[in-house]
Amino acid sequence: MLKEKVEKVLNELRPFLQSEGGNVELVDVSENGIVKVRLTGACGCCPMSTYTLKMGIEQKIKEAIPEIKEVKQV
């Protein structure tokens, strides 16, 4: 259930990431509220990827799904 909710939020964010030549892949959602993602394409090597991850992806996921505690890049 949580995994589907997270994937829905990521699908909303993908057009922005893809417009910059990148993307995000959901790797795992743990029962304790930790989401693991992989940034791909231009996002995978961008010096601003940490900012994108924490201030963009993590913030949006936490807003939509309060039970999520953290988003980590793998």
C-alpha atoms as a PDB file:
ATOM      1  CA  MET A   1       0.000   0.000   0.000  1.00  0.00           C
ATOM      2  CA  LEU A   2       2.720   2.507   0.934  1.00  0.00           C
ATOM      3  CA  LYS A   3       4.731   1.564  -2.137  1.00  0.00           C
ATOM      4  CA  GLU A   4       1.803   2.408  -4.426  1.00  0.00           C
ATOM      5  CA  LYS A   5       1.305   5.760  -2.705  1.00  0.00           C
ATOM      6  CA  VAL A   6       4.989   6.630  -3.074  1.00  0.00           C
ATOM      7  CA  GLU A   7       4.985   5.584  -6.733  1.00  0.00           C
ATOM      8  CA  LYS A   8       1.991   7.869  -7.342  1.00  0.00           C
ATOM      9  CA  VAL A   9       3.871  10.866  -5.915  1.00  0.00           C
ATOM     10  CA  LEU A  10       6.972   9.992  -7.938  1.00  0.00           C
ATOM     11  CA  ASN A  11       4.855   9.828 -11.094  1.00  0.00           C
ATOM     12  CA  GLU A  12       3.748  13.408 -10.410  1.00  0.00           C
ATOM     13  CA  LEU A  13       7.394  14.521 -10.055  1.00  0.00           C
ATOM     14  CA  ARG A  14       8.795  12.635 -13.052  1.00  0.00           C
ATOM     15  CA  PRO A  15       7.829  15.186 -15.764  1.00  0.00           C
ATOM     16  CA  PHE A  16       9.942  17.846 -14.024  1.00  0.00           C
ATOM     17  CA  LEU A  17      12.925  15.507 -13.632  1.00  0.00           C
ATOM     18  CA  GLN A  18      12.593  14.251 -17.200  1.00  0.00           C
ATOM     19  CA  SER A  19      12.516  17.813 -18.534  1.00  0.00           C
ATOM     20  CA  GLU A  20      16.031  18.176 -17.076  1.00  0.00           C
ATOM     21  CA  GLY A  21      17.220  14.864 -18.548  1.00  0.00           C
ATOM     22  CA  GLY A  22      16.840  12.790 -15.388  1.00  0.00           C
ATOM     23  CA  ASN A  23      14.447  10.466 -13.633  1.00  0.00           C
ATOM     24  CA  VAL A  24      13.810   8.714 -10.334  1.00  0.00           C
ATOM     25  CA  GLU A  25      13.361   4.997  -9.718  1.00  0.00           C
ATOM     26  CA  LEU A  26      11.685   3.589  -6.608  1.00  0.00           C
ATOM     27  CA  VAL A  27      13.895   0.899  -5.073  1.00  0.00           C
ATOM     28  CA  ASP A  28      12.167   0.096  -1.775  1.00  0.00           C
ATOM     29  CA  VAL A  29       9.734   1.301   0.871  1.00  0.00           C
ATOM     30  CA  SER A  30      10.384  -0.156   4.308  1.00  0.00           C
ATOM     31  CA  GLU A  31       7.772  -0.750   6.976  1.00  0.00           C
ATOM     32  CA  ASN A  32       9.446   1.840   9.206  1.00  0.00           C
ATOM     33  CA  GLY A  33       8.820   4.640   6.674  1.00  0.00           C
ATOM     34  CA  ILE A  34      12.144   4.796   4.825  1.00  0.00           C
ATOM     35  CA  VAL A  35      11.937   5.225   1.049  1.00  0.00           C
ATOM     36  CA  LYS A  36      14.931   4.293  -1.107  1.00  0.00           C
ATOM     37  CA  VAL A  37      15.205   5.769  -4.581  1.00  0.00           C
ATOM     38  CA  ARG A  38      17.754   5.850  -7.364  1.00  0.00           C
ATOM     39  CA  LEU A  39      18.244   9.048  -9.336  1.00  0.00           C
ATOM     40  CA  THR A  40      19.025   8.260 -12.976  1.00  0.00           C
ATOM     41  CA  GLY A  41      20.077  10.109 -16.102  1.00  0.00           C
ATOM     42  CA  ALA A  42      21.259  13.657 -15.550  1.00  0.00           C
ATOM     43  CA  CYS A  43      19.977  13.539 -11.951  1.00  0.00           C
ATOM     44  CA  GLY A  44      22.341  10.695 -11.098  1.00  0.00           C
ATOM     45  CA  CYS A  45      25.478  12.794 -11.580  1.00  0.00           C
ATOM     46  CA  CYS A  46      24.156  16.302 -10.960  1.00  0.00           C
ATOM     47  CA  PRO A  47      25.851  18.265  -8.143  1.00  0.00           C
ATOM     48  CA  MET A  48      22.380  19.457  -7.073  1.00  0.00           C
ATOM     49  CA  SER A  49      20.979  15.925  -6.734  1.00  0.00           C
ATOM     50  CA  THR A  50      21.024  16.032  -2.921  1.00  0.00           C
ATOM     51  CA  TYR A  51      18.994  19.238  -2.996  1.00  0.00           C
ATOM     52  CA  THR A  52      16.563  17.708  -5.509  1.00  0.00           C
ATOM     53  CA  LEU A  53      16.243  14.622  -3.340  1.00  0.00           C
ATOM     54  CA  LYS A  54      15.687  16.337   0.010  1.00  0.00           C
ATOM     55  CA  MET A  55      13.938  19.592  -0.920  1.00  0.00           C
ATOM     56  CA  GLY A  56      11.933  18.217  -3.832  1.00  0.00           C
ATOM     57  CA  ILE A  57      11.291  14.495  -3.769  1.00  0.00           C
ATOM     58  CA  GLU A  58      11.400  13.909   0.003  1.00  0.00           C
ATOM     59  CA  GLN A  59       9.348  17.002   0.803  1.00  0.00           C
ATOM     60  CA  LYS A  60       6.585  16.077  -1.669  1.00  0.00           C
ATOM     61  CA  ILE A  61       6.439  12.461  -0.503  1.00  0.00           C
ATOM     62  CA  LYS A  62       6.253  13.480   3.178  1.00  0.00           C
ATOM     63  CA  GLU A  63       3.505  16.010   2.433  1.00  0.00           C
ATOM     64  CA  ALA A  64       1.417  13.393   0.628  1.00  0.00           C
ATOM     65  CA  ILE A  65       2.235  10.461   2.933  1.00  0.00           C
ATOM     66  CA  PRO A  66       2.862  11.580   6.538  1.00  0.00           C
ATOM     67  CA  GLU A  67       3.960   8.106   7.659  1.00  0.00           C
ATOM     68  CA  ILE A  68       7.114   8.395   5.513  1.00  0.00           C
ATOM     69  CA  LYS A  69      10.068   9.477   7.666  1.00  0.00           C
ATOM     70  CA  GLU A  70      12.920   9.795   5.183  1.00  0.00           C
ATOM     71  CA  VAL A  71      13.903   9.385   1.542  1.00  0.00           C
ATOM     72  CA  LYS A  72      17.396   8.028   0.839  1.00  0.00           C
ATOM     73  CA  GLN A  73      19.332   7.769  -2.390  1.00  0.00           C
ATOM     74  CA  VAL A  74      20.906   4.398  -3.170  1.00  0.00           C
END
